[in-house]
Amino acid sequence: MMVQREVAGRLVERVTLERRQDVRDALGGSDASWNAEAELWAAVTPDRGGAVQGDDARRGERRWVVTVRRRDGLGLDCRLLWGARVLRVRFVEDDPRVGDVVVLRCEEEACSNG
């Protein structure tokens, strides 16, 4: 019980869980659509790695660690809306020994639909 109270006290941010759905366009191609699934309480903290640079030195994504209560369906086809920020899920740490929480490692995206 004590662990649950500690977790509940840390989940103070409100995030929207969205899932990517590929839909066919008029030409038979594929286009991404994001559908809101749930509003969640979360703890959001910067990842210790901070910003990371890709192959293009001008591009850097800010990384975040997001802790939420365990739920089915969390995966790499999800993203979180946190205020004006879009956080793309890059890794899911679902360790059953930890209790009822799941840790999501996310990268902040530039605002876009895909």
PDB file of N, CA and C in Angstrom:
ATOM      1  N   MET A   1       0.820  -1.201   0.000  1.00  0.00           N
ATOM      2  CA  MET A   1       0.000   0.000   0.000  1.00  0.00           C
ATOM      3  C   MET A   1       0.862   1.261   0.000  1.00  0.00           C
ATOM      4  N   MET A   2       1.935   1.239   0.741  1.00  0.00           N
ATOM      5  CA  MET A   2       2.796   2.419   0.824  1.00  0.00           C
ATOM      6  C   MET A   2       3.362   2.778  -0.546  1.00  0.00           C
ATOM      7  N   VAL A   3       3.755   1.778  -1.326  1.00  0.00           N
ATOM      8  CA  VAL A   3       4.300   2.022  -2.650  1.00  0.00           C
ATOM      9  C   VAL A   3       3.258   2.675  -3.542  1.00  0.00           C
ATOM     10  N   GLN A   4       2.010   2.222  -3.464  1.00  0.00           N
ATOM     11  CA  GLN A   4       0.959   2.802  -4.291  1.00  0.00           C
ATOM     12  C   GLN A   4       0.746   4.267  -3.963  1.00  0.00           C
ATOM     13  N   ARG A   5       0.787   4.641  -2.689  1.00  0.00           N
ATOM     14  CA  ARG A   5       0.622   6.044  -2.326  1.00  0.00           C
ATOM     15  C   ARG A   5       1.776   6.880  -2.855  1.00  0.00           C
ATOM     16  N   GLU A   6       2.988   6.350  -2.784  1.00  0.00           N
ATOM     17  CA  GLU A   6       4.136   7.073  -3.302  1.00  0.00           C
ATOM     18  C   GLU A   6       4.008   7.293  -4.801  1.00  0.00           C
ATOM     19  N   VAL A   7       3.567   6.284  -5.539  1.00  0.00           N
ATOM     20  CA  VAL A   7       3.379   6.402  -6.975  1.00  0.00           C
ATOM     21  C   VAL A   7       2.300   7.433  -7.276  1.00  0.00           C
ATOM     22  N   ALA A   8       1.189   7.340  -6.586  1.00  0.00           N
ATOM     23  CA  ALA A   8       0.078   8.263  -6.826  1.00  0.00           C
ATOM     24  C   ALA A   8       0.503   9.706  -6.605  1.00  0.00           C
ATOM     25  N   GLY A   9       1.344   9.955  -5.641  1.00  0.00           N
ATOM     26  CA  GLY A   9       1.812  11.313  -5.374  1.00  0.00           C
ATOM     27  C   GLY A   9       2.745  11.854  -6.430  1.00  0.00           C
ATOM     28  N   ARG A  10       3.372  10.968  -7.205  1.00  0.00           N
ATOM     29  CA  ARG A  10       4.297  11.407  -8.267  1.00  0.00           C
ATOM     30  C   ARG A  10       3.592  11.632  -9.594  1.00  0.00           C
ATOM     31  N   LEU A  11       2.443  11.030  -9.795  1.00  0.00           N
ATOM     32  CA  LEU A  11       1.736  11.139 -11.069  1.00  0.00           C
ATOM     33  C   LEU A  11       0.879  12.399 -11.055  1.00  0.00           C
ATOM     34  N   VAL A  12       1.502  13.539 -11.342  1.00  0.00           N
ATOM     35  CA  VAL A  12       0.832  14.827 -11.196  1.00  0.00           C
ATOM     36  C   VAL A  12       0.616  15.560 -12.518  1.00  0.00           C
ATOM     37  N   GLU A  13       1.130  15.002 -13.606  1.00  0.00           N
ATOM     38  CA  GLU A  13       0.963  15.620 -14.921  1.00  0.00           C
ATOM     39  C   GLU A  13      -0.170  14.924 -15.665  1.00  0.00           C
ATOM     40  N   ARG A  14      -0.894  15.674 -16.471  1.00  0.00           N
ATOM     41  CA  ARG A  14      -1.969  15.102 -17.280  1.00  0.00           C
ATOM     42  C   ARG A  14      -1.463  14.970 -18.709  1.00  0.00           C
ATOM     43  N   VAL A  15      -1.560  13.759 -19.282  1.00  0.00           N
ATOM     44  CA  VAL A  15      -1.147  13.513 -20.664  1.00  0.00           C
ATOM     45  C   VAL A  15      -2.275  12.802 -21.407  1.00  0.00           C
ATOM     46  N   THR A  16      -2.299  12.990 -22.717  1.00  0.00           N
ATOM     47  CA  THR A  16      -3.259  12.298 -23.574  1.00  0.00           C
ATOM     48  C   THR A  16      -2.521  11.207 -24.331  1.00  0.00           C
ATOM     49  N   LEU A  17      -3.001   9.979 -24.221  1.00  0.00           N
ATOM     50  CA  LEU A  17      -2.439   8.849 -24.950  1.00  0.00           C
ATOM     51  C   LEU A  17      -3.107   8.774 -26.319  1.00  0.00           C
ATOM     52  N   GLU A  18      -2.293   8.801 -27.374  1.00  0.00           N
ATOM     53  CA  GLU A  18      -2.793   8.662 -28.737  1.00  0.00           C
ATOM     54  C   GLU A  18      -2.158   7.434 -29.386  1.00  0.00           C
ATOM     55  N   ARG A  19      -2.913   6.804 -30.292  1.00  0.00           N
ATOM     56  CA  ARG A  19      -2.418   5.634 -31.018  1.00  0.00           C
ATOM     57  C   ARG A  19      -2.426   5.936 -32.514  1.00  0.00           C
ATOM     58  N   ARG A  20      -1.353   5.523 -33.176  1.00  0.00           N
ATOM     59  CA  ARG A  20      -1.234   5.729 -34.617  1.00  0.00           C
ATOM     60  C   ARG A  20      -2.092   4.704 -35.354  1.00  0.00           C
ATOM     61  N   GLN A  21      -2.813   5.188 -36.333  1.00  0.00           N
ATOM     62  CA  GLN A  21      -3.614   4.312 -37.180  1.00  0.00           C
ATOM     63  C   GLN A  21      -3.329   4.696 -38.631  1.00  0.00           C
ATOM     64  N   ASP A  22      -2.899   3.727 -39.418  1.00  0.00           N
ATOM     65  CA  ASP A  22      -2.657   3.981 -40.834  1.00  0.00           C
ATOM     66  C   ASP A  22      -3.967   3.843 -41.591  1.00  0.00           C
ATOM     67  N   VAL A  23      -4.282   4.847 -42.383  1.00  0.00           N
ATOM     68  CA  VAL A  23      -5.505   4.842 -43.182  1.00  0.00           C
ATOM     69  C   VAL A  23      -5.135   5.011 -44.652  1.00  0.00           C
ATOM     70  N   ARG A  24      -5.934   4.449 -45.523  1.00  0.00           N
ATOM     71  CA  ARG A  24      -5.705   4.559 -46.967  1.00  0.00           C
ATOM     72  C   ARG A  24      -6.147   5.928 -47.467  1.00  0.00           C
ATOM     73  N   ASP A  25      -5.326   6.511 -48.326  1.00  0.00           N
ATOM     74  CA  ASP A  25      -5.737   7.767 -48.946  1.00  0.00           C
ATOM     75  C   ASP A  25      -6.432   7.471 -50.273  1.00  0.00           C
ATOM     76  N   ALA A  26      -6.855   8.502 -50.982  1.00  0.00           N
ATOM     77  CA  ALA A  26      -7.627   8.333 -52.213  1.00  0.00           C
ATOM     78  C   ALA A  26      -6.844   7.614 -53.307  1.00  0.00           C
ATOM     79  N   LEU A  27      -5.520   7.671 -53.256  1.00  0.00           N
ATOM     80  CA  LEU A  27      -4.692   7.032 -54.282  1.00  0.00           C
ATOM     81  C   LEU A  27      -4.233   5.640 -53.882  1.00  0.00           C
ATOM     82  N   GLY A  28      -4.727   5.135 -52.763  1.00  0.00           N
ATOM     83  CA  GLY A  28      -4.357   3.792 -52.308  1.00  0.00           C
ATOM     84  C   GLY A  28      -3.107   3.757 -51.449  1.00  0.00           C
ATOM     85  N   GLY A  29      -2.548   4.917 -51.182  1.00  0.00           N
ATOM     86  CA  GLY A  29      -1.378   4.989 -50.312  1.00  0.00           C
ATOM     87  C   GLY A  29      -1.789   4.959 -48.854  1.00  0.00           C
ATOM     88  N   SER A  30      -0.830   5.138 -47.994  1.00  0.00           N
ATOM     89  CA  SER A  30      -1.096   5.093 -46.562  1.00  0.00           C
ATOM     90  C   SER A  30      -0.802   6.451 -45.940  1.00  0.00           C
ATOM     91  N   ASP A  31      -1.650   6.851 -45.028  1.00  0.00           N
ATOM     92  CA  ASP A  31      -1.465   8.108 -44.311  1.00  0.00           C
ATOM     93  C   ASP A  31      -1.697   7.836 -42.831  1.00  0.00           C
ATOM     94  N   ALA A  32      -0.941   8.517 -41.983  1.00  0.00           N
ATOM     95  CA  ALA A  32      -1.053   8.302 -40.540  1.00  0.00           C
ATOM     96  C   ALA A  32      -2.112   9.209 -39.936  1.00  0.00           C
ATOM     97  N   SER A  33      -2.873   8.636 -39.044  1.00  0.00           N
ATOM     98  CA  SER A  33      -3.861   9.383 -38.281  1.00  0.00           C
ATOM     99  C   SER A  33      -3.642   9.037 -36.810  1.00  0.00           C
ATOM    100  N   TRP A  34      -3.729  10.013 -35.931  1.00  0.00           N
ATOM    101  CA  TRP A  34      -3.544   9.783 -34.497  1.00  0.00           C
ATOM    102  C   TRP A  34      -4.889   9.927 -33.806  1.00  0.00           C
ATOM    103  N   ASN A  35      -5.275   8.897 -33.042  1.00  0.00           N
ATOM    104  CA  ASN A  35      -6.557   8.885 -32.347  1.00  0.00           C
ATOM    105  C   ASN A  35      -6.337   8.887 -30.846  1.00  0.00           C
ATOM    106  N   ALA A  36      -6.993   9.813 -30.152  1.00  0.00           N
ATOM    107  CA  ALA A  36      -6.893   9.877 -28.693  1.00  0.00           C
ATOM    108  C   ALA A  36      -7.579   8.659 -28.087  1.00  0.00           C
ATOM    109  N   GLU A  37      -6.882   8.007 -27.144  1.00  0.00           N
ATOM    110  CA  GLU A  37      -7.433   6.828 -26.469  1.00  0.00           C
ATOM    111  C   GLU A  37      -7.782   7.079 -25.023  1.00  0.00           C
ATOM    112  N   ALA A  38      -6.964   7.864 -24.328  1.00  0.00           N
ATOM    113  CA  ALA A  38      -7.197   8.033 -22.894  1.00  0.00           C
ATOM    114  C   ALA A  38      -6.462   9.254 -22.369  1.00  0.00           C
ATOM    115  N   GLU A  39      -6.982   9.783 -21.273  1.00  0.00           N
ATOM    116  CA  GLU A  39      -6.292  10.806 -20.490  1.00  0.00           C
ATOM    117  C   GLU A  39      -5.654  10.085 -19.310  1.00  0.00           C
ATOM    118  N   LEU A  40      -4.365  10.290 -19.086  1.00  0.00           N
ATOM    119  CA  LEU A  40      -3.640   9.576 -18.039  1.00  0.00           C
ATOM    120  C   LEU A  40      -2.942  10.543 -17.093  1.00  0.00           C
ATOM    121  N   TRP A  41      -2.780  10.103 -15.850  1.00  0.00           N
ATOM    122  CA  TRP A  41      -1.918  10.802 -14.907  1.00  0.00           C
ATOM    123  C   TRP A  41      -0.515  10.252 -15.097  1.00  0.00           C
ATOM    124  N   ALA A  42       0.484  11.123 -15.075  1.00  0.00           N
ATOM    125  CA  ALA A  42       1.846  10.687 -15.363  1.00  0.00           C
ATOM    126  C   ALA A  42       2.850  11.509 -14.571  1.00  0.00           C
ATOM    127  N   ALA A  43       4.037  10.939 -14.420  1.00  0.00           N
ATOM    128  CA  ALA A  43       5.213  11.670 -13.940  1.00  0.00           C
ATOM    129  C   ALA A  43       6.107  11.846 -15.162  1.00  0.00           C
ATOM    130  N   VAL A  44       6.458  13.087 -15.479  1.00  0.00           N
ATOM    131  CA  VAL A  44       7.273  13.375 -16.659  1.00  0.00           C
ATOM    132  C   VAL A  44       8.557  14.045 -16.196  1.00  0.00           C
ATOM    133  N   THR A  45       9.690  13.423 -16.524  1.00  0.00           N
ATOM    134  CA  THR A  45      10.994  13.983 -16.145  1.00  0.00           C
ATOM    135  C   THR A  45      11.932  13.907 -17.339  1.00  0.00           C
ATOM    136  N   PRO A  46      12.883  14.829 -17.417  1.00  0.00           N
ATOM    137  CA  PRO A  46      13.860  14.742 -18.507  1.00  0.00           C
ATOM    138  C   PRO A  46      14.685  13.470 -18.371  1.00  0.00           C
ATOM    139  N   ASP A  47      14.977  12.840 -19.505  1.00  0.00           N
ATOM    140  CA  ASP A  47      15.859  11.676 -19.501  1.00  0.00           C
ATOM    141  C   ASP A  47      17.274  12.183 -19.254  1.00  0.00           C
ATOM    142  N   ARG A  48      18.063  11.416 -18.545  1.00  0.00           N
ATOM    143  CA  ARG A  48      19.406  11.866 -18.174  1.00  0.00           C
ATOM    144  C   ARG A  48      20.288  12.135 -19.382  1.00  0.00           C
ATOM    145  N   GLY A  49      19.913  11.569 -20.543  1.00  0.00           N
ATOM    146  CA  GLY A  49      20.697  11.796 -21.749  1.00  0.00           C
ATOM    147  C   GLY A  49      20.470  13.168 -22.342  1.00  0.00           C
ATOM    148  N   GLY A  50      19.340  13.802 -22.003  1.00  0.00           N
ATOM    149  CA  GLY A  50      19.043  15.121 -22.544  1.00  0.00           C
ATOM    150  C   GLY A  50      18.812  15.070 -24.041  1.00  0.00           C
ATOM    151  N   ALA A  51      19.217  16.115 -24.726  1.00  0.00           N
ATOM    152  CA  ALA A  51      19.036  16.164 -26.174  1.00  0.00           C
ATOM    153  C   ALA A  51      20.051  15.253 -26.844  1.00  0.00           C
ATOM    154  N   VAL A  52      19.608  14.596 -27.894  1.00  0.00           N
ATOM    155  CA  VAL A  52      20.486  13.693 -28.640  1.00  0.00           C
ATOM    156  C   VAL A  52      20.534  14.164 -30.083  1.00  0.00           C
ATOM    157  N   GLN A  53      21.695  14.076 -30.692  1.00  0.00           N
ATOM    158  CA  GLN A  53      21.823  14.485 -32.081  1.00  0.00           C
ATOM    159  C   GLN A  53      21.824  13.267 -32.971  1.00  0.00           C
ATOM    160  N   GLY A  54      21.106  13.372 -34.061  1.00  0.00           N
ATOM    161  CA  GLY A  54      21.069  12.292 -35.023  1.00  0.00           C
ATOM    162  C   GLY A  54      22.192  12.451 -36.031  1.00  0.00           C
ATOM    163  N   ASP A  55      22.032  11.811 -37.180  1.00  0.00           N
ATOM    164  CA  ASP A  55      23.037  11.919 -38.239  1.00  0.00           C
ATOM    165  C   ASP A  55      23.171  13.349 -38.722  1.00  0.00           C
ATOM    166  N   ASP A  56      22.077  14.061 -38.708  1.00  0.00           N
ATOM    167  CA  ASP A  56      22.087  15.460 -39.091  1.00  0.00           C
ATOM    168  C   ASP A  56      22.329  16.277 -37.825  1.00  0.00           C
ATOM    169  N   ALA A  57      23.458  16.928 -37.719  1.00  0.00           N
ATOM    170  CA  ALA A  57      23.851  17.630 -36.494  1.00  0.00           C
ATOM    171  C   ALA A  57      22.893  18.764 -36.138  1.00  0.00           C
ATOM    172  N   ARG A  58      22.094  19.212 -37.087  1.00  0.00           N
ATOM    173  CA  ARG A  58      21.166  20.305 -36.803  1.00  0.00           C
ATOM    174  C   ARG A  58      19.911  19.827 -36.102  1.00  0.00           C
ATOM    175  N   ARG A  59      19.706  18.506 -36.079  1.00  0.00           N
ATOM    176  CA  ARG A  59      18.473  17.966 -35.512  1.00  0.00           C
ATOM    177  C   ARG A  59      18.762  17.329 -34.164  1.00  0.00           C
ATOM    178  N   GLY A  60      18.030  17.707 -33.155  1.00  0.00           N
ATOM    179  CA  GLY A  60      18.177  17.089 -31.848  1.00  0.00           C
ATOM    180  C   GLY A  60      16.818  16.918 -31.204  1.00  0.00           C
ATOM    181  N   GLU A  61      16.580  15.758 -30.615  1.00  0.00           N
ATOM    182  CA  GLU A  61      15.311  15.520 -29.937  1.00  0.00           C
ATOM    183  C   GLU A  61      15.548  15.511 -28.441  1.00  0.00           C
ATOM    184  N   ARG A  62      14.668  16.151 -27.726  1.00  0.00           N
ATOM    185  CA  ARG A  62      14.721  16.122 -26.273  1.00  0.00           C
ATOM    186  C   ARG A  62      14.089  14.816 -25.814  1.00  0.00           C
ATOM    187  N   ARG A  63      14.709  14.143 -24.873  1.00  0.00           N
ATOM    188  CA  ARG A  63      14.195  12.863 -24.393  1.00  0.00           C
ATOM    189  C   ARG A  63      13.541  13.031 -23.028  1.00  0.00           C
ATOM    190  N   TRP A  64      12.490  12.231 -22.814  1.00  0.00           N
ATOM    191  CA  TRP A  64      11.713  12.290 -21.576  1.00  0.00           C
ATOM    192  C   TRP A  64      11.456  10.889 -21.053  1.00  0.00           C
ATOM    193  N   VAL A  65      11.354  10.778 -19.732  1.00  0.00           N
ATOM    194  CA  VAL A  65      10.933   9.545 -19.077  1.00  0.00           C
ATOM    195  C   VAL A  65       9.542   9.811 -18.519  1.00  0.00           C
ATOM    196  N   VAL A  66       8.576   9.005 -18.953  1.00  0.00           N
ATOM    197  CA  VAL A  66       7.183   9.186 -18.546  1.00  0.00           C
ATOM    198  C   VAL A  66       6.729   7.931 -17.807  1.00  0.00           C
ATOM    199  N   THR A  67       6.279   8.097 -16.581  1.00  0.00           N
ATOM    200  CA  THR A  67       5.779   6.985 -15.769  1.00  0.00           C
ATOM    201  C   THR A  67       4.264   7.087 -15.691  1.00  0.00           C
ATOM    202  N   VAL A  68       3.583   5.992 -16.029  1.00  0.00           N
ATOM    203  CA  VAL A  68       2.116   5.940 -15.975  1.00  0.00           C
ATOM    204  C   VAL A  68       1.696   4.640 -15.304  1.00  0.00           C
ATOM    205  N   ARG A  69       0.449   4.567 -14.913  1.00  0.00           N
ATOM    206  CA  ARG A  69      -0.081   3.309 -14.377  1.00  0.00           C
ATOM    207  C   ARG A  69      -0.161   2.275 -15.497  1.00  0.00           C
ATOM    208  N   ARG A  70       0.080   1.031 -15.144  1.00  0.00           N
ATOM    209  CA  ARG A  70       0.062  -0.066 -16.121  1.00  0.00           C
ATOM    210  C   ARG A  70      -1.308  -0.148 -16.793  1.00  0.00           C
ATOM    211  N   ARG A  71      -1.260  -0.330 -18.104  1.00  0.00           N
ATOM    212  CA  ARG A  71      -2.476  -0.521 -18.891  1.00  0.00           C
ATOM    213  C   ARG A  71      -2.105  -1.303 -20.139  1.00  0.00           C
ATOM    214  N   ASP A  72      -3.071  -1.985 -20.719  1.00  0.00           N
ATOM    215  CA  ASP A  72      -2.835  -2.755 -21.939  1.00  0.00           C
ATOM    216  C   ASP A  72      -2.627  -1.811 -23.113  1.00  0.00           C
ATOM    217  N   GLY A  73      -1.857  -2.268 -24.075  1.00  0.00           N
ATOM    218  CA  GLY A  73      -1.756  -1.567 -25.341  1.00  0.00           C
ATOM    219  C   GLY A  73      -0.692  -0.496 -25.449  1.00  0.00           C
ATOM    220  N   LEU A  74       0.128  -0.305 -24.440  1.00  0.00           N
ATOM    221  CA  LEU A  74       1.184   0.699 -24.557  1.00  0.00           C
ATOM    222  C   LEU A  74       2.290   0.141 -25.443  1.00  0.00           C
ATOM    223  N   GLY A  75       2.671   0.891 -26.468  1.00  0.00           N
ATOM    224  CA  GLY A  75       3.695   0.392 -27.379  1.00  0.00           C
ATOM    225  C   GLY A  75       4.283   1.497 -28.230  1.00  0.00           C
ATOM    226  N   LEU A  76       5.064   1.092 -29.211  1.00  0.00           N
ATOM    227  CA  LEU A  76       5.754   2.041 -30.069  1.00  0.00           C
ATOM    228  C   LEU A  76       4.826   2.734 -31.058  1.00  0.00           C
ATOM    229  N   ASP A  77       3.584   2.276 -31.145  1.00  0.00           N
ATOM    230  CA  ASP A  77       2.602   2.934 -32.005  1.00  0.00           C
ATOM    231  C   ASP A  77       1.821   3.997 -31.237  1.00  0.00           C
ATOM    232  N   CYS A  78       2.347   4.410 -30.087  1.00  0.00           N
ATOM    233  CA  CYS A  78       1.684   5.408 -29.242  1.00  0.00           C
ATOM    234  C   CYS A  78       2.515   6.681 -29.161  1.00  0.00           C
ATOM    235  N   ARG A  79       1.830   7.744 -28.840  1.00  0.00           N
ATOM    236  CA  ARG A  79       2.495   8.992 -28.486  1.00  0.00           C
ATOM    237  C   ARG A  79       1.667   9.659 -27.392  1.00  0.00           C
ATOM    238  N   LEU A  80       2.292  10.599 -26.713  1.00  0.00           N
ATOM    239  CA  LEU A  80       1.632  11.316 -25.631  1.00  0.00           C
ATOM    240  C   LEU A  80       1.606  12.802 -25.953  1.00  0.00           C
ATOM    241  N   LEU A  81       0.494  13.442 -25.677  1.00  0.00           N
ATOM    242  CA  LEU A  81       0.407  14.889 -25.759  1.00  0.00           C
ATOM    243  C   LEU A  81       0.512  15.417 -24.346  1.00  0.00           C
ATOM    244  N   TRP A  82       1.497  16.260 -24.113  1.00  0.00           N
ATOM    245  CA  TRP A  82       1.746  16.830 -22.791  1.00  0.00           C
ATOM    246  C   TRP A  82       1.816  18.340 -22.965  1.00  0.00           C
ATOM    247  N   GLY A  83       0.726  18.999 -22.660  1.00  0.00           N
ATOM    248  CA  GLY A  83       0.639  20.430 -22.955  1.00  0.00           C
ATOM    249  C   GLY A  83       0.761  20.613 -24.463  1.00  0.00           C
ATOM    250  N   ALA A  84       1.695  21.476 -24.878  1.00  0.00           N
ATOM    251  CA  ALA A  84       1.924  21.708 -26.307  1.00  0.00           C
ATOM    252  C   ALA A  84       2.966  20.753 -26.882  1.00  0.00           C
ATOM    253  N   ARG A  85       3.492  19.846 -26.076  1.00  0.00           N
ATOM    254  CA  ARG A  85       4.549  18.939 -26.513  1.00  0.00           C
ATOM    255  C   ARG A  85       3.972  17.606 -27.002  1.00  0.00           C
ATOM    256  N   VAL A  86       4.632  17.046 -28.023  1.00  0.00           N
ATOM    257  CA  VAL A  86       4.281  15.735 -28.549  1.00  0.00           C
ATOM    258  C   VAL A  86       5.451  14.806 -28.223  1.00  0.00           C
ATOM    259  N   LEU A  87       5.177  13.762 -27.441  1.00  0.00           N
ATOM    260  CA  LEU A  87       6.208  12.822 -27.009  1.00  0.00           C
ATOM    261  C   LEU A  87       5.967  11.476 -27.663  1.00  0.00           C
ATOM    262  N   ARG A  88       6.858  11.059 -28.520  1.00  0.00           N
ATOM    263  CA  ARG A  88       6.739   9.783 -29.228  1.00  0.00           C
ATOM    264  C   ARG A  88       7.364   8.678 -28.388  1.00  0.00           C
ATOM    265  N   VAL A  89       6.621   7.601 -28.141  1.00  0.00           N
ATOM    266  CA  VAL A  89       7.123   6.484 -27.335  1.00  0.00           C
ATOM    267  C   VAL A  89       8.171   5.734 -28.146  1.00  0.00           C
ATOM    268  N   ARG A  90       9.367   5.597 -27.567  1.00  0.00           N
ATOM    269  CA  ARG A  90      10.474   4.892 -28.225  1.00  0.00           C
ATOM    270  C   ARG A  90      10.837   3.583 -27.529  1.00  0.00           C
ATOM    271  N   PHE A  91      10.464   3.446 -26.244  1.00  0.00           N
ATOM    272  CA  PHE A  91      10.789   2.230 -25.498  1.00  0.00           C
ATOM    273  C   PHE A  91       9.819   2.097 -24.336  1.00  0.00           C
ATOM    274  N   VAL A  92       9.347   0.887 -24.082  1.00  0.00           N
ATOM    275  CA  VAL A  92       8.411   0.622 -22.986  1.00  0.00           C
ATOM    276  C   VAL A  92       9.086  -0.307 -21.984  1.00  0.00           C
ATOM    277  N   GLU A  93       9.246   0.155 -20.749  1.00  0.00           N
ATOM    278  CA  GLU A  93       9.803  -0.670 -19.676  1.00  0.00           C
ATOM    279  C   GLU A  93       8.644  -1.135 -18.800  1.00  0.00           C
ATOM    280  N   ASP A  94       8.228  -2.387 -18.992  1.00  0.00           N
ATOM    281  CA  ASP A  94       7.096  -2.946 -18.256  1.00  0.00           C
ATOM    282  C   ASP A  94       7.602  -4.105 -17.405  1.00  0.00           C
ATOM    283  N   ASP A  95       8.151  -3.781 -16.252  1.00  0.00           N
ATOM    284  CA  ASP A  95       8.723  -4.769 -15.345  1.00  0.00           C
ATOM    285  C   ASP A  95       7.680  -5.122 -14.288  1.00  0.00           C
ATOM    286  N   PRO A  96       7.175  -6.369 -14.274  1.00  0.00           N
ATOM    287  CA  PRO A  96       6.124  -6.730 -13.316  1.00  0.00           C
ATOM    288  C   PRO A  96       6.574  -6.646 -11.858  1.00  0.00           C
ATOM    289  N   ARG A  97       7.876  -6.618 -11.605  1.00  0.00           N
ATOM    290  CA  ARG A  97       8.367  -6.516 -10.226  1.00  0.00           C
ATOM    291  C   ARG A  97       8.238  -5.107  -9.666  1.00  0.00           C
ATOM    292  N   VAL A  98       8.021  -4.132 -10.533  1.00  0.00           N
ATOM    293  CA  VAL A  98       7.988  -2.734 -10.114  1.00  0.00           C
ATOM    294  C   VAL A  98       6.656  -2.352  -9.490  1.00  0.00           C
ATOM    295  N   GLY A  99       5.608  -3.067  -9.773  1.00  0.00           N
ATOM    296  CA  GLY A  99       4.280  -2.714  -9.256  1.00  0.00           C
ATOM    297  C   GLY A  99       3.343  -2.397 -10.388  1.00  0.00           C
ATOM    298  N   ASP A 100       2.519  -1.398 -10.186  1.00  0.00           N
ATOM    299  CA  ASP A 100       1.475  -1.103 -11.172  1.00  0.00           C
ATOM    300  C   ASP A 100       1.834   0.047 -12.108  1.00  0.00           C
ATOM    301  N   VAL A 101       3.122   0.298 -12.319  1.00  0.00           N
ATOM    302  CA  VAL A 101       3.525   1.377 -13.216  1.00  0.00           C
ATOM    303  C   VAL A 101       4.336   0.846 -14.386  1.00  0.00           C
ATOM    304  N   VAL A 102       4.325   1.624 -15.462  1.00  0.00           N
ATOM    305  CA  VAL A 102       5.106   1.356 -16.662  1.00  0.00           C
ATOM    306  C   VAL A 102       5.899   2.623 -16.959  1.00  0.00           C
ATOM    307  N   VAL A 103       7.156   2.447 -17.349  1.00  0.00           N
ATOM    308  CA  VAL A 103       8.008   3.583 -17.697  1.00  0.00           C
ATOM    309  C   VAL A 103       8.144   3.634 -19.211  1.00  0.00           C
ATOM    310  N   LEU A 104       7.846   4.795 -19.773  1.00  0.00           N
ATOM    311  CA  LEU A 104       7.948   5.011 -21.216  1.00  0.00           C
ATOM    312  C   LEU A 104       9.112   5.961 -21.477  1.00  0.00           C
ATOM    313  N   ARG A 105       9.997   5.578 -22.355  1.00  0.00           N
ATOM    314  CA  ARG A 105      11.087   6.458 -22.780  1.00  0.00           C
ATOM    315  C   ARG A 105      10.635   7.093 -24.087  1.00  0.00           C
ATOM    316  N   CYS A 106      10.594   8.415 -24.103  1.00  0.00           N
ATOM    317  CA  CYS A 106      10.001   9.142 -25.223  1.00  0.00           C
ATOM    318  C   CYS A 106      10.964  10.174 -25.786  1.00  0.00           C
ATOM    319  N   GLU A 107      10.719  10.550 -27.037  1.00  0.00           N
ATOM    320  CA  GLU A 107      11.431  11.652 -27.673  1.00  0.00           C
ATOM    321  C   GLU A 107      10.410  12.709 -28.062  1.00  0.00           C
ATOM    322  N   GLU A 108      10.776  13.944 -27.817  1.00  0.00           N
ATOM    323  CA  GLU A 108       9.893  15.047 -28.185  1.00  0.00           C
ATOM    324  C   GLU A 108       9.992  15.280 -29.682  1.00  0.00           C
ATOM    325  N   GLU A 109       8.839  15.421 -30.328  1.00  0.00           N
ATOM    326  CA  GLU A 109       8.790  15.655 -31.767  1.00  0.00           C
ATOM    327  C   GLU A 109       8.459  17.105 -32.053  1.00  0.00           C
ATOM    328  N   ALA A 110       8.860  17.529 -33.222  1.00  0.00           N
ATOM    329  CA  ALA A 110       8.357  18.809 -33.717  1.00  0.00           C
ATOM    330  C   ALA A 110       6.887  18.584 -34.029  1.00  0.00           C
ATOM    331  N   CYS A 111       6.065  19.599 -33.886  1.00  0.00           N
ATOM    332  CA  CYS A 111       4.634  19.428 -34.135  1.00  0.00           C
ATOM    333  C   CYS A 111       4.406  19.045 -35.588  1.00  0.00           C
ATOM    334  N   SER A 112       3.837  17.861 -35.762  1.00  0.00           N
ATOM    335  CA  SER A 112       3.473  17.372 -37.096  1.00  0.00           C
ATOM    336  C   SER A 112       2.405  16.314 -36.928  1.00  0.00           C
ATOM    337  N   ASN A 113       1.864  15.831 -37.994  1.00  0.00           N
ATOM    338  CA  ASN A 113       0.808  14.830 -37.930  1.00  0.00           C
ATOM    339  C   ASN A 113       1.341  13.421 -38.149  1.00  0.00           C
ATOM    340  N   GLY A 114       2.624  13.250 -38.393  1.00  0.00           N
ATOM    341  CA  GLY A 114       3.095  11.926 -38.711  1.00  0.00           C
ATOM    342  C   GLY A 114       4.178  11.492 -37.827  1.00  0.00           C
TER     343      GLY A 114
END
